[in-house]
Amino acid sequence: MFSRLRPDRGARSSIDPTKKFIDMSERKIRVLVAKPGLDGHDRGAKVIAAALRDAGMEVIYTGLHQTPEMVVNAAIQEDVDVVAMSILSGAHMTLFPRVKALLDAEGADHILITGGGIIPEEDMAALEGQGIGRLFGPGTTTGAAVEYIREWFAEHGRDRELVAQ
């Protein structure tokens, strides 16, 4: 249990014992923005990371040239709610399913996998059929991505303590 020191009253618990779980509105949505593969163009990933941060989310950016294993390790270590991948290399049909399979193997199937890049609509539909969340193409506003993540989190987000059980 965490305590907070107050100069006038000493230590007092910061946890309300009448609440069984943390209200989801009390914590920020945690998003891992990942740039997997060999593509070296990260402007879009940095723009979306800034937009998510400005929208009040906690954002972790992995940097360039991440393997699917590195993305999943970071997602688990950072205890994120969302993995958002930027893929411009054409490897989306390999990278999205690989990250999903690795997350599922780690028992982290509660994490939303979303992202964007140069992805044909038929590939977006095929990936959605494999359990990947909404994908965004060129010209999508950052507001659309923010809104999607917020809506998903309101419907599917979970208390991290509950997931750990």
N, C-alpha and C. Protein backbone atom coordinates (compact mmCIF):
# COMPACT_ATOMS: atom_id res chain seq x y z
N MET A 1 0.84 -1.16 0.00
CA MET A 1 0.00 0.00 0.00
C MET A 1 0.89 1.23 0.00
N PHE A 2 0.53 2.21 -0.81
CA PHE A 2 1.29 3.45 -0.88
C PHE A 2 0.78 4.41 0.17
N SER A 3 1.67 5.19 0.70
CA SER A 3 1.29 6.21 1.67
C SER A 3 1.77 7.55 1.19
N ARG A 4 1.10 8.56 1.62
CA ARG A 4 1.48 9.92 1.29
C ARG A 4 1.72 10.65 2.62
N LEU A 5 2.88 11.27 2.73
CA LEU A 5 3.18 12.02 3.95
C LEU A 5 2.54 13.39 3.88
N ARG A 6 1.86 13.75 4.96
CA ARG A 6 1.27 15.07 5.05
C ARG A 6 1.85 15.74 6.28
N PRO A 7 2.40 16.93 6.12
CA PRO A 7 3.08 17.56 7.25
C PRO A 7 2.19 17.78 8.45
N ASP A 8 0.91 17.98 8.22
CA ASP A 8 0.02 18.27 9.35
C ASP A 8 -0.56 17.02 10.00
N ARG A 9 -0.51 15.87 9.35
CA ARG A 9 -1.17 14.68 9.89
C ARG A 9 -0.32 13.42 9.83
N GLY A 10 0.91 13.50 9.38
CA GLY A 10 1.72 12.30 9.24
C GLY A 10 1.31 11.52 8.00
N ALA A 11 1.54 10.23 8.03
CA ALA A 11 1.24 9.40 6.86
C ALA A 11 -0.23 9.04 6.82
N ARG A 12 -0.78 9.01 5.60
CA ARG A 12 -2.15 8.51 5.44
C ARG A 12 -2.22 7.76 4.13
N SER A 13 -3.07 6.78 4.09
CA SER A 13 -3.19 5.96 2.89
C SER A 13 -3.78 6.76 1.75
N SER A 14 -3.25 6.55 0.55
CA SER A 14 -3.79 7.21 -0.64
C SER A 14 -4.80 6.32 -1.35
N ILE A 15 -5.10 5.16 -0.78
CA ILE A 15 -6.04 4.23 -1.40
C ILE A 15 -7.33 4.22 -0.59
N ASP A 16 -8.44 4.38 -1.28
CA ASP A 16 -9.75 4.33 -0.65
C ASP A 16 -10.12 2.86 -0.45
N PRO A 17 -10.22 2.39 0.80
CA PRO A 17 -10.48 0.97 1.03
C PRO A 17 -11.87 0.53 0.57
N THR A 18 -12.78 1.47 0.33
CA THR A 18 -14.11 1.10 -0.14
C THR A 18 -14.14 0.81 -1.63
N LYS A 19 -13.07 1.20 -2.35
CA LYS A 19 -12.99 0.93 -3.79
C LYS A 19 -12.24 -0.37 -4.00
N LYS A 20 -12.86 -1.29 -4.72
CA LYS A 20 -12.17 -2.54 -5.01
C LYS A 20 -11.16 -2.37 -6.13
N PHE A 21 -11.51 -1.57 -7.15
CA PHE A 21 -10.64 -1.37 -8.29
C PHE A 21 -10.51 0.11 -8.58
N ILE A 22 -9.45 0.47 -9.26
CA ILE A 22 -9.20 1.86 -9.65
C ILE A 22 -10.18 2.26 -10.73
N ASP A 23 -10.79 3.42 -10.60
CA ASP A 23 -11.66 3.96 -11.63
C ASP A 23 -10.81 4.24 -12.85
N MET A 24 -11.24 3.77 -14.04
CA MET A 24 -10.44 3.92 -15.24
C MET A 24 -10.18 5.38 -15.58
N SER A 25 -11.05 6.28 -15.15
CA SER A 25 -10.84 7.69 -15.44
C SER A 25 -9.74 8.29 -14.57
N GLU A 26 -9.25 7.54 -13.59
CA GLU A 26 -8.23 8.04 -12.69
C GLU A 26 -6.81 7.84 -13.20
N ARG A 27 -6.64 7.13 -14.29
CA ARG A 27 -5.29 6.92 -14.80
C ARG A 27 -5.26 7.18 -16.30
N LYS A 28 -4.07 7.48 -16.77
CA LYS A 28 -3.89 7.77 -18.19
C LYS A 28 -3.85 6.48 -19.00
N ILE A 29 -4.29 6.57 -20.24
CA ILE A 29 -4.14 5.46 -21.17
C ILE A 29 -2.66 5.40 -21.53
N ARG A 30 -2.09 4.21 -21.45
CA ARG A 30 -0.66 4.02 -21.74
C ARG A 30 -0.52 3.44 -23.14
N VAL A 31 0.21 4.16 -24.00
CA VAL A 31 0.36 3.76 -25.40
C VAL A 31 1.84 3.61 -25.74
N LEU A 32 2.17 2.48 -26.33
CA LEU A 32 3.51 2.26 -26.87
C LEU A 32 3.45 2.54 -28.36
N VAL A 33 4.19 3.54 -28.82
CA VAL A 33 4.29 3.84 -30.25
C VAL A 33 5.56 3.17 -30.74
N ALA A 34 5.40 2.24 -31.70
CA ALA A 34 6.52 1.43 -32.15
C ALA A 34 6.76 1.61 -33.64
N LYS A 35 8.02 1.51 -34.01
CA LYS A 35 8.43 1.63 -35.40
C LYS A 35 9.20 0.36 -35.76
N PRO A 36 8.46 -0.75 -36.02
CA PRO A 36 9.15 -2.01 -36.30
C PRO A 36 9.68 -2.09 -37.72
N GLY A 37 10.63 -2.97 -37.91
CA GLY A 37 11.16 -3.22 -39.24
C GLY A 37 12.30 -2.29 -39.62
N LEU A 38 12.63 -2.32 -40.89
CA LEU A 38 13.80 -1.60 -41.38
C LEU A 38 13.51 -0.19 -41.88
N ASP A 39 12.26 0.18 -41.96
CA ASP A 39 11.88 1.51 -42.44
C ASP A 39 12.46 2.58 -41.51
N GLY A 40 13.10 3.56 -42.07
CA GLY A 40 13.73 4.61 -41.28
C GLY A 40 12.96 5.92 -41.23
N HIS A 41 11.73 5.92 -41.71
CA HIS A 41 10.92 7.15 -41.72
C HIS A 41 10.04 7.18 -40.48
N ASP A 42 10.35 8.07 -39.54
CA ASP A 42 9.61 8.07 -38.28
C ASP A 42 8.85 9.36 -38.00
N ARG A 43 8.74 10.25 -38.98
CA ARG A 43 8.02 11.49 -38.73
C ARG A 43 6.58 11.23 -38.30
N GLY A 44 5.88 10.34 -39.01
CA GLY A 44 4.49 10.03 -38.66
C GLY A 44 4.36 9.46 -37.26
N ALA A 45 5.27 8.58 -36.89
CA ALA A 45 5.24 7.99 -35.54
C ALA A 45 5.44 9.07 -34.48
N LYS A 46 6.33 10.01 -34.76
CA LYS A 46 6.56 11.09 -33.79
C LYS A 46 5.38 12.05 -33.72
N VAL A 47 4.73 12.30 -34.86
CA VAL A 47 3.55 13.17 -34.87
C VAL A 47 2.42 12.53 -34.07
N ILE A 48 2.17 11.24 -34.29
CA ILE A 48 1.09 10.58 -33.55
C ILE A 48 1.44 10.47 -32.07
N ALA A 49 2.70 10.22 -31.75
CA ALA A 49 3.11 10.16 -30.34
C ALA A 49 2.84 11.49 -29.65
N ALA A 50 3.17 12.59 -30.30
CA ALA A 50 2.93 13.92 -29.73
C ALA A 50 1.44 14.19 -29.59
N ALA A 51 0.65 13.79 -30.58
CA ALA A 51 -0.80 14.00 -30.52
C ALA A 51 -1.43 13.21 -29.38
N LEU A 52 -1.01 11.98 -29.20
CA LEU A 52 -1.54 11.16 -28.11
C LEU A 52 -1.15 11.75 -26.76
N ARG A 53 0.09 12.20 -26.66
CA ARG A 53 0.56 12.83 -25.42
C ARG A 53 -0.24 14.09 -25.14
N ASP A 54 -0.44 14.92 -26.18
CA ASP A 54 -1.19 16.16 -26.01
C ASP A 54 -2.66 15.89 -25.65
N ALA A 55 -3.15 14.71 -26.00
CA ALA A 55 -4.52 14.32 -25.66
C ALA A 55 -4.61 13.74 -24.25
N GLY A 56 -3.50 13.72 -23.52
CA GLY A 56 -3.51 13.28 -22.13
C GLY A 56 -3.10 11.83 -21.91
N MET A 57 -2.64 11.17 -22.95
CA MET A 57 -2.20 9.79 -22.80
C MET A 57 -0.72 9.74 -22.42
N GLU A 58 -0.33 8.66 -21.79
CA GLU A 58 1.08 8.45 -21.48
C GLU A 58 1.66 7.67 -22.65
N VAL A 59 2.69 8.22 -23.28
CA VAL A 59 3.24 7.64 -24.51
C VAL A 59 4.68 7.23 -24.31
N ILE A 60 4.97 6.02 -24.76
CA ILE A 60 6.33 5.50 -24.79
C ILE A 60 6.67 5.27 -26.25
N TYR A 61 7.75 5.87 -26.74
CA TYR A 61 8.16 5.70 -28.13
C TYR A 61 9.39 4.82 -28.17
N THR A 62 9.35 3.77 -28.97
CA THR A 62 10.45 2.79 -28.99
C THR A 62 11.63 3.22 -29.83
N GLY A 63 11.42 4.13 -30.77
CA GLY A 63 12.48 4.46 -31.71
C GLY A 63 12.43 3.54 -32.92
N LEU A 64 13.38 3.72 -33.81
CA LEU A 64 13.41 3.00 -35.08
C LEU A 64 13.93 1.57 -34.97
N HIS A 65 13.62 0.77 -35.99
CA HIS A 65 14.22 -0.55 -36.23
C HIS A 65 13.99 -1.55 -35.11
N GLN A 66 12.76 -1.62 -34.62
CA GLN A 66 12.43 -2.56 -33.55
C GLN A 66 11.97 -3.89 -34.15
N THR A 67 12.37 -4.98 -33.54
CA THR A 67 11.84 -6.29 -33.93
C THR A 67 10.50 -6.49 -33.23
N PRO A 68 9.66 -7.40 -33.72
CA PRO A 68 8.41 -7.69 -33.01
C PRO A 68 8.67 -8.10 -31.55
N GLU A 69 9.72 -8.86 -31.32
CA GLU A 69 10.05 -9.27 -29.95
C GLU A 69 10.39 -8.07 -29.07
N MET A 70 11.10 -7.11 -29.62
CA MET A 70 11.44 -5.89 -28.86
C MET A 70 10.18 -5.08 -28.56
N VAL A 71 9.26 -5.01 -29.51
CA VAL A 71 8.01 -4.28 -29.30
C VAL A 71 7.20 -4.93 -28.18
N VAL A 72 7.09 -6.25 -28.22
CA VAL A 72 6.31 -6.97 -27.21
C VAL A 72 6.98 -6.87 -25.85
N ASN A 73 8.29 -7.00 -25.79
CA ASN A 73 8.99 -6.86 -24.50
C ASN A 73 8.74 -5.48 -23.91
N ALA A 74 8.83 -4.45 -24.72
CA ALA A 74 8.57 -3.09 -24.24
C ALA A 74 7.13 -2.94 -23.77
N ALA A 75 6.18 -3.50 -24.52
CA ALA A 75 4.77 -3.41 -24.15
C ALA A 75 4.51 -4.06 -22.79
N ILE A 76 5.10 -5.22 -22.57
CA ILE A 76 4.93 -5.92 -21.30
C ILE A 76 5.61 -5.15 -20.17
N GLN A 77 6.85 -4.74 -20.39
CA GLN A 77 7.60 -4.03 -19.34
C GLN A 77 6.94 -2.70 -18.98
N GLU A 78 6.38 -2.01 -19.96
CA GLU A 78 5.77 -0.70 -19.71
C GLU A 78 4.31 -0.81 -19.32
N ASP A 79 3.77 -2.02 -19.31
CA ASP A 79 2.39 -2.27 -18.88
C ASP A 79 1.40 -1.39 -19.64
N VAL A 80 1.49 -1.43 -20.97
CA VAL A 80 0.68 -0.54 -21.80
C VAL A 80 -0.71 -1.12 -22.07
N ASP A 81 -1.59 -0.22 -22.47
CA ASP A 81 -2.95 -0.59 -22.87
C ASP A 81 -3.03 -0.77 -24.39
N VAL A 82 -2.17 -0.05 -25.10
CA VAL A 82 -2.23 0.01 -26.56
C VAL A 82 -0.82 -0.07 -27.14
N VAL A 83 -0.68 -0.84 -28.23
CA VAL A 83 0.52 -0.81 -29.05
C VAL A 83 0.10 -0.21 -30.38
N ALA A 84 0.68 0.92 -30.73
CA ALA A 84 0.40 1.60 -32.01
C ALA A 84 1.66 1.53 -32.85
N MET A 85 1.58 0.82 -33.98
CA MET A 85 2.76 0.63 -34.83
C MET A 85 2.63 1.43 -36.11
N SER A 86 3.74 2.02 -36.51
CA SER A 86 3.83 2.74 -37.77
C SER A 86 4.66 1.90 -38.73
N ILE A 87 4.03 1.49 -39.85
CA ILE A 87 4.72 0.62 -40.79
C ILE A 87 4.55 1.18 -42.20
N LEU A 88 5.66 1.61 -42.78
CA LEU A 88 5.65 2.17 -44.14
C LEU A 88 6.38 1.27 -45.13
N SER A 89 6.92 0.18 -44.64
CA SER A 89 7.80 -0.66 -45.46
C SER A 89 7.08 -1.72 -46.29
N GLY A 90 5.78 -1.88 -46.09
CA GLY A 90 5.06 -2.93 -46.78
C GLY A 90 5.06 -4.26 -46.04
N ALA A 91 5.63 -4.30 -44.86
CA ALA A 91 5.72 -5.54 -44.08
C ALA A 91 4.56 -5.70 -43.09
N HIS A 92 3.49 -4.93 -43.27
CA HIS A 92 2.38 -4.93 -42.32
C HIS A 92 1.71 -6.30 -42.17
N MET A 93 1.65 -7.09 -43.25
CA MET A 93 0.99 -8.40 -43.17
C MET A 93 1.83 -9.42 -42.38
N THR A 94 3.07 -9.10 -42.14
CA THR A 94 3.94 -9.93 -41.32
C THR A 94 4.07 -9.38 -39.90
N LEU A 95 4.30 -8.07 -39.79
CA LEU A 95 4.61 -7.48 -38.49
C LEU A 95 3.41 -7.41 -37.54
N PHE A 96 2.25 -6.99 -38.01
CA PHE A 96 1.09 -6.92 -37.12
C PHE A 96 0.72 -8.30 -36.57
N PRO A 97 0.58 -9.34 -37.42
CA PRO A 97 0.25 -10.66 -36.87
C PRO A 97 1.33 -11.22 -35.95
N ARG A 98 2.60 -10.94 -36.24
CA ARG A 98 3.68 -11.45 -35.38
C ARG A 98 3.62 -10.81 -34.00
N VAL A 99 3.40 -9.50 -33.94
CA VAL A 99 3.29 -8.82 -32.64
C VAL A 99 2.07 -9.36 -31.88
N LYS A 100 0.96 -9.55 -32.57
CA LYS A 100 -0.24 -10.10 -31.92
C LYS A 100 0.03 -11.49 -31.36
N ALA A 101 0.66 -12.35 -32.16
CA ALA A 101 0.95 -13.71 -31.70
C ALA A 101 1.86 -13.70 -30.47
N LEU A 102 2.85 -12.84 -30.48
CA LEU A 102 3.77 -12.76 -29.32
C LEU A 102 3.07 -12.21 -28.08
N LEU A 103 2.21 -11.21 -28.26
CA LEU A 103 1.44 -10.68 -27.12
C LEU A 103 0.51 -11.76 -26.57
N ASP A 104 -0.18 -12.46 -27.46
CA ASP A 104 -1.08 -13.54 -27.03
C ASP A 104 -0.30 -14.60 -26.25
N ALA A 105 0.89 -14.95 -26.73
CA ALA A 105 1.71 -15.96 -26.06
C ALA A 105 2.14 -15.52 -24.66
N GLU A 106 2.24 -14.21 -24.47
CA GLU A 106 2.62 -13.65 -23.16
C GLU A 106 1.41 -13.43 -22.26
N GLY A 107 0.23 -13.80 -22.74
CA GLY A 107 -0.99 -13.58 -21.95
C GLY A 107 -1.44 -12.13 -21.96
N ALA A 108 -1.01 -11.38 -22.96
CA ALA A 108 -1.33 -9.94 -23.03
C ALA A 108 -2.29 -9.66 -24.18
N ASP A 109 -3.27 -10.54 -24.36
CA ASP A 109 -4.24 -10.36 -25.43
C ASP A 109 -5.22 -9.22 -25.16
N HIS A 110 -5.14 -8.62 -23.98
CA HIS A 110 -5.98 -7.47 -23.64
C HIS A 110 -5.43 -6.16 -24.20
N ILE A 111 -4.24 -6.18 -24.76
CA ILE A 111 -3.62 -4.97 -25.31
C ILE A 111 -4.12 -4.75 -26.73
N LEU A 112 -4.61 -3.55 -27.01
CA LEU A 112 -5.04 -3.18 -28.35
C LEU A 112 -3.82 -3.02 -29.25
N ILE A 113 -3.89 -3.61 -30.43
CA ILE A 113 -2.86 -3.40 -31.45
C ILE A 113 -3.51 -2.59 -32.56
N THR A 114 -2.98 -1.41 -32.79
CA THR A 114 -3.47 -0.52 -33.82
C THR A 114 -2.26 0.07 -34.53
N GLY A 115 -2.50 0.94 -35.49
CA GLY A 115 -1.36 1.56 -36.15
C GLY A 115 -1.75 2.17 -37.47
N GLY A 116 -0.72 2.43 -38.25
CA GLY A 116 -0.96 3.06 -39.53
C GLY A 116 0.23 2.94 -40.43
N GLY A 117 0.04 3.48 -41.63
CA GLY A 117 1.09 3.45 -42.63
C GLY A 117 0.48 3.33 -44.01
N ILE A 118 1.29 2.87 -44.93
CA ILE A 118 0.83 2.66 -46.30
C ILE A 118 0.28 1.23 -46.37
N ILE A 119 -1.01 1.09 -46.06
CA ILE A 119 -1.63 -0.22 -45.96
C ILE A 119 -2.88 -0.24 -46.84
N PRO A 120 -2.92 -1.09 -47.86
CA PRO A 120 -4.10 -1.17 -48.71
C PRO A 120 -5.34 -1.57 -47.90
N GLU A 121 -6.50 -1.08 -48.32
CA GLU A 121 -7.74 -1.35 -47.59
C GLU A 121 -8.01 -2.84 -47.44
N GLU A 122 -7.72 -3.64 -48.48
CA GLU A 122 -7.98 -5.08 -48.37
C GLU A 122 -7.07 -5.72 -47.32
N ASP A 123 -5.86 -5.20 -47.17
CA ASP A 123 -4.98 -5.70 -46.11
C ASP A 123 -5.47 -5.26 -44.74
N MET A 124 -6.00 -4.03 -44.65
CA MET A 124 -6.57 -3.58 -43.38
C MET A 124 -7.70 -4.51 -42.95
N ALA A 125 -8.56 -4.87 -43.89
CA ALA A 125 -9.68 -5.78 -43.58
C ALA A 125 -9.16 -7.15 -43.15
N ALA A 126 -8.15 -7.67 -43.85
CA ALA A 126 -7.59 -8.98 -43.50
C ALA A 126 -6.97 -8.94 -42.10
N LEU A 127 -6.26 -7.87 -41.78
CA LEU A 127 -5.64 -7.75 -40.45
C LEU A 127 -6.70 -7.61 -39.36
N GLU A 128 -7.76 -6.85 -39.65
CA GLU A 128 -8.86 -6.73 -38.68
C GLU A 128 -9.46 -8.10 -38.41
N GLY A 129 -9.57 -8.92 -39.43
CA GLY A 129 -10.08 -10.28 -39.27
C GLY A 129 -9.18 -11.16 -38.41
N GLN A 130 -7.94 -10.76 -38.26
CA GLN A 130 -6.98 -11.49 -37.41
C GLN A 130 -6.89 -10.91 -35.99
N GLY A 131 -7.75 -9.94 -35.70
CA GLY A 131 -7.79 -9.38 -34.35
C GLY A 131 -6.99 -8.11 -34.16
N ILE A 132 -6.53 -7.52 -35.25
CA ILE A 132 -5.82 -6.24 -35.16
C ILE A 132 -6.88 -5.14 -35.15
N GLY A 133 -6.65 -4.11 -34.36
CA GLY A 133 -7.60 -3.00 -34.28
C GLY A 133 -7.60 -2.15 -35.54
N ARG A 134 -8.28 -1.05 -35.47
CA ARG A 134 -8.40 -0.15 -36.62
C ARG A 134 -7.02 0.33 -37.06
N LEU A 135 -6.82 0.37 -38.38
CA LEU A 135 -5.57 0.85 -38.95
C LEU A 135 -5.84 2.12 -39.74
N PHE A 136 -4.87 3.02 -39.75
CA PHE A 136 -5.03 4.34 -40.34
C PHE A 136 -4.06 4.54 -41.49
N GLY A 137 -4.57 5.10 -42.57
CA GLY A 137 -3.75 5.35 -43.75
C GLY A 137 -3.38 6.81 -43.88
N PRO A 138 -2.71 7.14 -44.97
CA PRO A 138 -2.31 8.53 -45.22
C PRO A 138 -3.52 9.46 -45.22
N GLY A 139 -3.34 10.64 -44.67
CA GLY A 139 -4.40 11.63 -44.64
C GLY A 139 -5.32 11.56 -43.43
N THR A 140 -5.17 10.52 -42.61
CA THR A 140 -5.98 10.42 -41.40
C THR A 140 -5.55 11.50 -40.42
N THR A 141 -6.52 12.13 -39.79
CA THR A 141 -6.17 13.15 -38.79
C THR A 141 -5.72 12.48 -37.50
N THR A 142 -4.87 13.17 -36.77
CA THR A 142 -4.44 12.62 -35.47
C THR A 142 -5.64 12.52 -34.54
N GLY A 143 -6.61 13.41 -34.70
CA GLY A 143 -7.81 13.37 -33.87
C GLY A 143 -8.58 12.07 -34.03
N ALA A 144 -8.59 11.52 -35.25
CA ALA A 144 -9.29 10.25 -35.47
C ALA A 144 -8.63 9.12 -34.68
N ALA A 145 -7.32 9.09 -34.65
CA ALA A 145 -6.60 8.07 -33.89
C ALA A 145 -6.83 8.24 -32.39
N VAL A 146 -6.79 9.47 -31.92
CA VAL A 146 -7.03 9.75 -30.50
C VAL A 146 -8.44 9.29 -30.11
N GLU A 147 -9.41 9.65 -30.92
CA GLU A 147 -10.80 9.29 -30.65
C GLU A 147 -10.98 7.77 -30.64
N TYR A 148 -10.38 7.08 -31.60
CA TYR A 148 -10.49 5.62 -31.65
C TYR A 148 -9.91 4.98 -30.39
N ILE A 149 -8.74 5.40 -29.98
CA ILE A 149 -8.11 4.82 -28.79
C ILE A 149 -8.94 5.10 -27.55
N ARG A 150 -9.42 6.32 -27.41
CA ARG A 150 -10.27 6.64 -26.25
C ARG A 150 -11.54 5.80 -26.23
N GLU A 151 -12.19 5.67 -27.38
CA GLU A 151 -13.42 4.87 -27.45
C GLU A 151 -13.13 3.41 -27.14
N TRP A 152 -12.04 2.87 -27.71
CA TRP A 152 -11.69 1.49 -27.43
C TRP A 152 -11.43 1.30 -25.94
N PHE A 153 -10.68 2.22 -25.35
CA PHE A 153 -10.32 2.10 -23.94
C PHE A 153 -11.55 2.19 -23.05
N ALA A 154 -12.50 3.07 -23.39
CA ALA A 154 -13.73 3.20 -22.61
C ALA A 154 -14.52 1.89 -22.62
N GLU A 155 -14.46 1.18 -23.74
CA GLU A 155 -15.21 -0.07 -23.87
C GLU A 155 -14.44 -1.29 -23.39
N HIS A 156 -13.12 -1.34 -23.64
CA HIS A 156 -12.34 -2.55 -23.39
C HIS A 156 -11.24 -2.40 -22.35
N GLY A 157 -10.88 -1.17 -22.00
CA GLY A 157 -9.76 -0.97 -21.09
C GLY A 157 -10.00 -1.66 -19.76
N ARG A 158 -8.93 -2.07 -19.13
CA ARG A 158 -9.06 -2.79 -17.87
C ARG A 158 -8.09 -2.24 -16.84
N ASP A 159 -8.43 -2.48 -15.63
CA ASP A 159 -7.52 -2.17 -14.55
C ASP A 159 -6.34 -3.13 -14.63
N ARG A 160 -5.13 -2.61 -14.58
CA ARG A 160 -3.93 -3.46 -14.69
C ARG A 160 -3.89 -4.51 -13.61
N GLU A 161 -4.36 -4.19 -12.41
CA GLU A 161 -4.35 -5.18 -11.32
C GLU A 161 -5.29 -6.32 -11.65
N LEU A 162 -6.42 -6.03 -12.28
CA LEU A 162 -7.38 -7.06 -12.64
C LEU A 162 -6.78 -7.99 -13.67
N VAL A 163 -6.06 -7.43 -14.66
CA VAL A 163 -5.44 -8.23 -15.71
C VAL A 163 -4.40 -9.15 -15.13
N ALA A 164 -3.67 -8.69 -14.13
CA ALA A 164 -2.58 -9.48 -13.54
C ALA A 164 -3.11 -10.70 -12.77
N GLN A 165 -4.37 -10.68 -12.41
CA GLN A 165 -4.93 -11.80 -11.63
C GLN A 165 -5.16 -13.03 -12.46
